[in-house]
Amino acid sequence: MTSQFDEQPYVSGRSGSSVVGFARSGSGSGVTTLFIYGGVSSQDGPTNSETWFFDTERHTWTQVNGTAPPHRAYHSTLHWKDLMIVFGGFQATQGQYLEYTFSNDLVIFNTTSQQ
């Protein structure tokens, strides 16, 4: 049995990511887009900066092609107007050993311009 999602791009499993919901401009139906950002895709893997959005009306995933915020996981995220605001978390980079850097920065990502 197949579903409408079988041929669509999709987000890989992960932990430590964040999701925020937005109403598309001109939409009176509430949340129409979910943005998912960052996280780790394996227990001992590096963090990523993948940013995806899910259209709740069309049931489709699209990876953001703009300038994504720096890679991180276990951060706090909120939305305000057309902005996704990210604070803190940590970055894990793969070298000979996994290295962790904790962040205290604030990153603002415009969901309209995707930068």
N, C-alpha and C. Protein backbone atom coordinates (compact mmCIF):
# COMPACT_ATOMS: atom_id res chain seq x y z
N MET A 1 0.84 -1.17 0.00
CA MET A 1 0.00 0.00 0.00
C MET A 1 0.89 1.25 0.00
N THR A 2 0.55 2.25 -0.79
CA THR A 2 1.31 3.49 -0.84
C THR A 2 0.46 4.64 -0.33
N SER A 3 1.12 5.69 0.05
CA SER A 3 0.42 6.88 0.50
C SER A 3 0.84 8.05 -0.34
N GLN A 4 0.19 9.19 -0.13
CA GLN A 4 0.54 10.39 -0.88
C GLN A 4 1.93 10.90 -0.53
N PHE A 5 2.54 10.40 0.56
CA PHE A 5 3.85 10.86 0.99
C PHE A 5 4.99 10.03 0.40
N ASP A 6 4.70 8.88 -0.24
CA ASP A 6 5.75 7.97 -0.69
C ASP A 6 6.72 8.59 -1.68
N GLU A 7 6.26 9.48 -2.53
CA GLU A 7 7.11 10.06 -3.56
C GLU A 7 7.60 11.46 -3.18
N GLN A 8 7.29 11.91 -1.98
CA GLN A 8 7.63 13.26 -1.55
C GLN A 8 8.95 13.27 -0.79
N PRO A 9 9.70 14.40 -0.84
CA PRO A 9 10.85 14.53 0.06
C PRO A 9 10.35 14.56 1.49
N TYR A 10 11.16 14.13 2.41
CA TYR A 10 10.74 14.12 3.80
C TYR A 10 11.93 14.37 4.71
N VAL A 11 11.63 14.74 5.93
CA VAL A 11 12.64 15.02 6.93
C VAL A 11 13.09 13.71 7.57
N SER A 12 14.40 13.53 7.71
CA SER A 12 14.91 12.31 8.35
C SER A 12 14.63 12.37 9.85
N GLY A 13 14.62 11.21 10.50
CA GLY A 13 14.41 11.16 11.93
C GLY A 13 15.50 11.93 12.66
N ARG A 14 15.13 12.58 13.75
CA ARG A 14 16.10 13.39 14.48
C ARG A 14 15.60 13.70 15.87
N SER A 15 16.49 14.16 16.71
CA SER A 15 16.11 14.65 18.03
C SER A 15 16.77 16.00 18.23
N GLY A 16 16.27 16.75 19.21
CA GLY A 16 16.85 18.05 19.51
C GLY A 16 16.54 19.13 18.50
N SER A 17 15.58 18.89 17.62
CA SER A 17 15.19 19.91 16.63
C SER A 17 14.08 20.77 17.22
N SER A 18 13.67 21.79 16.49
CA SER A 18 12.55 22.61 16.93
C SER A 18 11.55 22.75 15.79
N VAL A 19 10.30 22.98 16.16
CA VAL A 19 9.23 23.17 15.18
C VAL A 19 8.43 24.41 15.60
N VAL A 20 8.19 25.29 14.64
CA VAL A 20 7.33 26.44 14.89
C VAL A 20 6.30 26.52 13.76
N GLY A 21 5.10 27.01 14.09
CA GLY A 21 4.03 27.10 13.11
C GLY A 21 3.75 28.53 12.72
N PHE A 22 3.42 28.73 11.44
CA PHE A 22 3.11 30.06 10.90
C PHE A 22 1.83 30.00 10.09
N ALA A 23 1.12 31.10 10.06
CA ALA A 23 -0.01 31.25 9.15
C ALA A 23 0.52 31.95 7.90
N ARG A 24 0.25 31.37 6.75
CA ARG A 24 0.68 31.97 5.49
C ARG A 24 -0.06 33.29 5.31
N SER A 25 0.61 34.30 4.78
CA SER A 25 -0.01 35.61 4.56
C SER A 25 -1.30 35.46 3.77
N GLY A 26 -2.35 36.11 4.26
CA GLY A 26 -3.64 36.08 3.59
C GLY A 26 -4.47 34.86 3.93
N SER A 27 -3.92 33.95 4.73
CA SER A 27 -4.67 32.75 5.08
C SER A 27 -5.44 33.01 6.37
N GLY A 28 -6.71 32.75 6.35
CA GLY A 28 -7.51 32.92 7.55
C GLY A 28 -7.72 31.62 8.29
N SER A 29 -7.02 30.57 7.87
CA SER A 29 -7.28 29.25 8.43
C SER A 29 -6.31 28.84 9.54
N GLY A 30 -5.57 29.80 10.12
CA GLY A 30 -4.65 29.45 11.20
C GLY A 30 -3.31 28.97 10.66
N VAL A 31 -2.66 28.07 11.40
CA VAL A 31 -1.33 27.58 11.02
C VAL A 31 -1.41 26.81 9.71
N THR A 32 -0.61 27.24 8.74
CA THR A 32 -0.57 26.56 7.45
C THR A 32 0.81 26.04 7.11
N THR A 33 1.83 26.48 7.84
CA THR A 33 3.20 26.06 7.56
C THR A 33 3.92 25.76 8.87
N LEU A 34 4.59 24.62 8.92
CA LEU A 34 5.43 24.27 10.06
C LEU A 34 6.88 24.31 9.60
N PHE A 35 7.74 25.01 10.35
CA PHE A 35 9.17 25.02 10.07
C PHE A 35 9.86 24.14 11.09
N ILE A 36 10.71 23.22 10.59
CA ILE A 36 11.52 22.38 11.48
C ILE A 36 12.98 22.73 11.21
N TYR A 37 13.74 22.87 12.29
CA TYR A 37 15.12 23.33 12.15
C TYR A 37 16.06 22.54 13.06
N GLY A 38 17.21 22.18 12.51
CA GLY A 38 18.33 21.63 13.29
C GLY A 38 18.10 20.25 13.86
N GLY A 39 18.87 19.95 14.91
CA GLY A 39 18.79 18.66 15.57
C GLY A 39 19.97 17.77 15.23
N VAL A 40 19.88 16.54 15.70
CA VAL A 40 20.87 15.52 15.38
C VAL A 40 20.13 14.30 14.82
N SER A 41 20.74 13.66 13.84
CA SER A 41 20.07 12.54 13.18
C SER A 41 20.52 11.18 13.68
N SER A 42 21.54 11.15 14.53
CA SER A 42 21.95 9.88 15.12
C SER A 42 22.49 10.18 16.53
N GLN A 43 22.57 9.15 17.34
CA GLN A 43 22.94 9.32 18.75
C GLN A 43 24.30 10.01 18.91
N ASP A 44 25.26 9.64 18.10
CA ASP A 44 26.59 10.21 18.23
C ASP A 44 26.99 11.07 17.04
N GLY A 45 26.01 11.56 16.31
CA GLY A 45 26.32 12.31 15.09
C GLY A 45 26.43 13.81 15.33
N PRO A 46 26.95 14.50 14.33
CA PRO A 46 27.04 15.96 14.43
C PRO A 46 25.66 16.60 14.29
N THR A 47 25.54 17.84 14.76
CA THR A 47 24.30 18.58 14.61
C THR A 47 24.17 19.03 13.16
N ASN A 48 22.95 19.36 12.76
CA ASN A 48 22.76 19.83 11.38
C ASN A 48 22.00 21.15 11.37
N SER A 49 22.01 21.79 10.22
CA SER A 49 21.33 23.07 10.06
C SER A 49 20.17 22.96 9.08
N GLU A 50 19.75 21.74 8.80
CA GLU A 50 18.64 21.58 7.86
C GLU A 50 17.41 22.34 8.35
N THR A 51 16.79 23.04 7.43
CA THR A 51 15.55 23.75 7.71
C THR A 51 14.54 23.32 6.66
N TRP A 52 13.41 22.81 7.13
CA TRP A 52 12.35 22.32 6.26
C TRP A 52 11.05 23.02 6.60
N PHE A 53 10.15 23.11 5.62
CA PHE A 53 8.81 23.52 5.98
C PHE A 53 7.81 22.51 5.47
N PHE A 54 6.75 22.36 6.23
CA PHE A 54 5.66 21.43 5.90
C PHE A 54 4.41 22.24 5.65
N ASP A 55 3.84 22.08 4.47
CA ASP A 55 2.59 22.76 4.11
C ASP A 55 1.45 21.90 4.64
N THR A 56 0.72 22.41 5.63
CA THR A 56 -0.33 21.62 6.28
C THR A 56 -1.57 21.46 5.41
N GLU A 57 -1.70 22.26 4.36
CA GLU A 57 -2.84 22.12 3.46
C GLU A 57 -2.56 21.14 2.33
N ARG A 58 -1.32 21.17 1.81
CA ARG A 58 -0.94 20.29 0.69
C ARG A 58 -0.27 19.00 1.17
N HIS A 59 0.12 18.96 2.44
CA HIS A 59 0.81 17.80 3.04
C HIS A 59 2.11 17.49 2.32
N THR A 60 2.92 18.53 2.11
CA THR A 60 4.21 18.36 1.42
C THR A 60 5.33 18.98 2.23
N TRP A 61 6.50 18.34 2.17
CA TRP A 61 7.73 18.85 2.80
C TRP A 61 8.58 19.51 1.72
N THR A 62 9.23 20.63 2.07
CA THR A 62 10.15 21.30 1.16
C THR A 62 11.35 21.75 1.98
N GLN A 63 12.56 21.43 1.49
CA GLN A 63 13.75 21.88 2.20
C GLN A 63 14.03 23.33 1.82
N VAL A 64 14.33 24.15 2.81
CA VAL A 64 14.62 25.56 2.58
C VAL A 64 15.97 25.68 1.88
N ASN A 65 16.00 26.44 0.80
CA ASN A 65 17.23 26.60 0.02
C ASN A 65 17.96 27.89 0.34
N GLY A 66 17.41 28.71 1.22
CA GLY A 66 18.04 29.98 1.59
C GLY A 66 19.21 29.76 2.53
N THR A 67 19.58 30.79 3.23
CA THR A 67 20.67 30.74 4.18
C THR A 67 20.15 30.26 5.53
N ALA A 68 20.44 29.04 5.88
CA ALA A 68 19.96 28.47 7.14
C ALA A 68 20.79 28.98 8.30
N PRO A 69 20.19 29.03 9.49
CA PRO A 69 20.97 29.37 10.68
C PRO A 69 22.08 28.33 10.88
N PRO A 70 23.13 28.65 11.66
CA PRO A 70 24.21 27.69 11.92
C PRO A 70 23.67 26.40 12.55
N HIS A 71 24.35 25.30 12.30
CA HIS A 71 23.89 24.00 12.82
C HIS A 71 23.86 24.00 14.34
N ARG A 72 22.83 23.34 14.91
CA ARG A 72 22.71 23.24 16.37
C ARG A 72 21.58 22.30 16.72
N ALA A 73 21.54 21.93 18.00
CA ALA A 73 20.48 21.07 18.53
C ALA A 73 20.14 21.53 19.95
N TYR A 74 18.99 21.10 20.42
CA TYR A 74 18.53 21.38 21.78
C TYR A 74 18.53 22.89 22.08
N HIS A 75 18.03 23.65 21.13
CA HIS A 75 17.93 25.09 21.21
C HIS A 75 16.47 25.48 21.49
N SER A 76 16.24 26.74 21.75
CA SER A 76 14.88 27.26 21.93
C SER A 76 14.50 28.06 20.69
N THR A 77 13.26 27.92 20.24
CA THR A 77 12.81 28.61 19.04
C THR A 77 11.41 29.15 19.26
N LEU A 78 11.17 30.33 18.74
CA LEU A 78 9.81 30.88 18.75
C LEU A 78 9.59 31.62 17.44
N HIS A 79 8.35 31.92 17.16
CA HIS A 79 8.08 32.70 15.97
C HIS A 79 7.42 34.00 16.36
N TRP A 80 7.70 35.03 15.56
CA TRP A 80 7.11 36.35 15.74
C TRP A 80 7.01 36.98 14.36
N LYS A 81 5.80 37.31 13.97
CA LYS A 81 5.52 37.82 12.62
C LYS A 81 6.03 36.79 11.62
N ASP A 82 6.97 37.16 10.72
CA ASP A 82 7.51 36.21 9.75
C ASP A 82 8.90 35.72 10.14
N LEU A 83 9.23 35.83 11.42
CA LEU A 83 10.58 35.49 11.87
C LEU A 83 10.59 34.23 12.73
N MET A 84 11.60 33.41 12.53
CA MET A 84 11.89 32.28 13.41
C MET A 84 13.11 32.72 14.21
N ILE A 85 12.96 32.81 15.53
CA ILE A 85 14.03 33.30 16.39
C ILE A 85 14.57 32.12 17.18
N VAL A 86 15.88 31.89 17.07
CA VAL A 86 16.54 30.73 17.67
C VAL A 86 17.54 31.22 18.71
N PHE A 87 17.52 30.59 19.89
CA PHE A 87 18.49 30.95 20.93
C PHE A 87 19.15 29.69 21.49
N GLY A 88 20.46 29.80 21.72
CA GLY A 88 21.19 28.79 22.46
C GLY A 88 21.33 27.46 21.77
N GLY A 89 21.37 26.40 22.59
CA GLY A 89 21.59 25.05 22.09
C GLY A 89 23.07 24.72 22.07
N PHE A 90 23.40 23.65 21.36
CA PHE A 90 24.81 23.32 21.20
C PHE A 90 25.08 22.86 19.78
N GLN A 91 26.34 22.98 19.41
CA GLN A 91 26.80 22.53 18.10
C GLN A 91 27.77 21.38 18.33
N ALA A 92 27.56 20.30 17.61
CA ALA A 92 28.46 19.15 17.69
C ALA A 92 29.11 18.97 16.32
N THR A 93 30.43 18.97 16.29
CA THR A 93 31.15 18.78 15.04
C THR A 93 31.96 17.51 15.11
N GLN A 94 32.03 16.83 13.99
CA GLN A 94 32.71 15.53 13.92
C GLN A 94 34.16 15.75 13.53
N GLY A 95 35.05 15.35 14.38
CA GLY A 95 36.48 15.32 14.09
C GLY A 95 36.92 13.91 14.44
N GLN A 96 38.10 13.78 15.02
CA GLN A 96 38.50 12.48 15.53
C GLN A 96 37.54 12.07 16.65
N TYR A 97 37.12 13.07 17.43
CA TYR A 97 36.11 12.87 18.47
C TYR A 97 35.01 13.91 18.23
N LEU A 98 33.83 13.62 18.70
CA LEU A 98 32.73 14.58 18.59
C LEU A 98 33.01 15.73 19.56
N GLU A 99 33.02 16.95 19.05
CA GLU A 99 33.31 18.12 19.88
C GLU A 99 32.04 18.95 20.03
N TYR A 100 31.75 19.37 21.26
CA TYR A 100 30.54 20.14 21.56
C TYR A 100 30.89 21.58 21.89
N THR A 101 30.13 22.50 21.34
CA THR A 101 30.25 23.91 21.65
C THR A 101 28.87 24.42 22.03
N PHE A 102 28.72 24.96 23.22
CA PHE A 102 27.44 25.48 23.66
C PHE A 102 27.29 26.92 23.19
N SER A 103 26.10 27.27 22.76
CA SER A 103 25.84 28.59 22.18
C SER A 103 25.00 29.44 23.10
N ASN A 104 25.26 30.74 23.10
CA ASN A 104 24.39 31.67 23.78
C ASN A 104 24.00 32.80 22.83
N ASP A 105 24.04 32.50 21.54
CA ASP A 105 23.72 33.52 20.55
C ASP A 105 22.24 33.49 20.18
N LEU A 106 21.81 34.54 19.52
CA LEU A 106 20.45 34.71 19.05
C LEU A 106 20.50 34.81 17.54
N VAL A 107 19.76 33.94 16.84
CA VAL A 107 19.74 33.92 15.39
C VAL A 107 18.32 34.21 14.93
N ILE A 108 18.18 35.12 13.96
CA ILE A 108 16.87 35.47 13.44
C ILE A 108 16.81 35.05 11.98
N PHE A 109 15.83 34.22 11.65
CA PHE A 109 15.66 33.68 10.29
C PHE A 109 14.32 34.17 9.75
N ASN A 110 14.36 34.88 8.62
CA ASN A 110 13.14 35.39 8.00
C ASN A 110 12.52 34.27 7.15
N THR A 111 11.33 33.84 7.51
CA THR A 111 10.71 32.72 6.80
C THR A 111 10.18 33.12 5.43
N THR A 112 10.01 34.40 5.18
CA THR A 112 9.54 34.86 3.87
C THR A 112 10.69 34.89 2.88
N SER A 113 11.80 35.55 3.25
CA SER A 113 12.96 35.64 2.34
C SER A 113 13.86 34.42 2.45
N GLN A 114 13.65 33.59 3.49
CA GLN A 114 14.44 32.39 3.77
C GLN A 114 15.92 32.74 3.95
N GLN A 115 16.18 33.80 4.71
CA GLN A 115 17.55 34.22 5.03
C GLN A 115 17.61 34.66 6.47
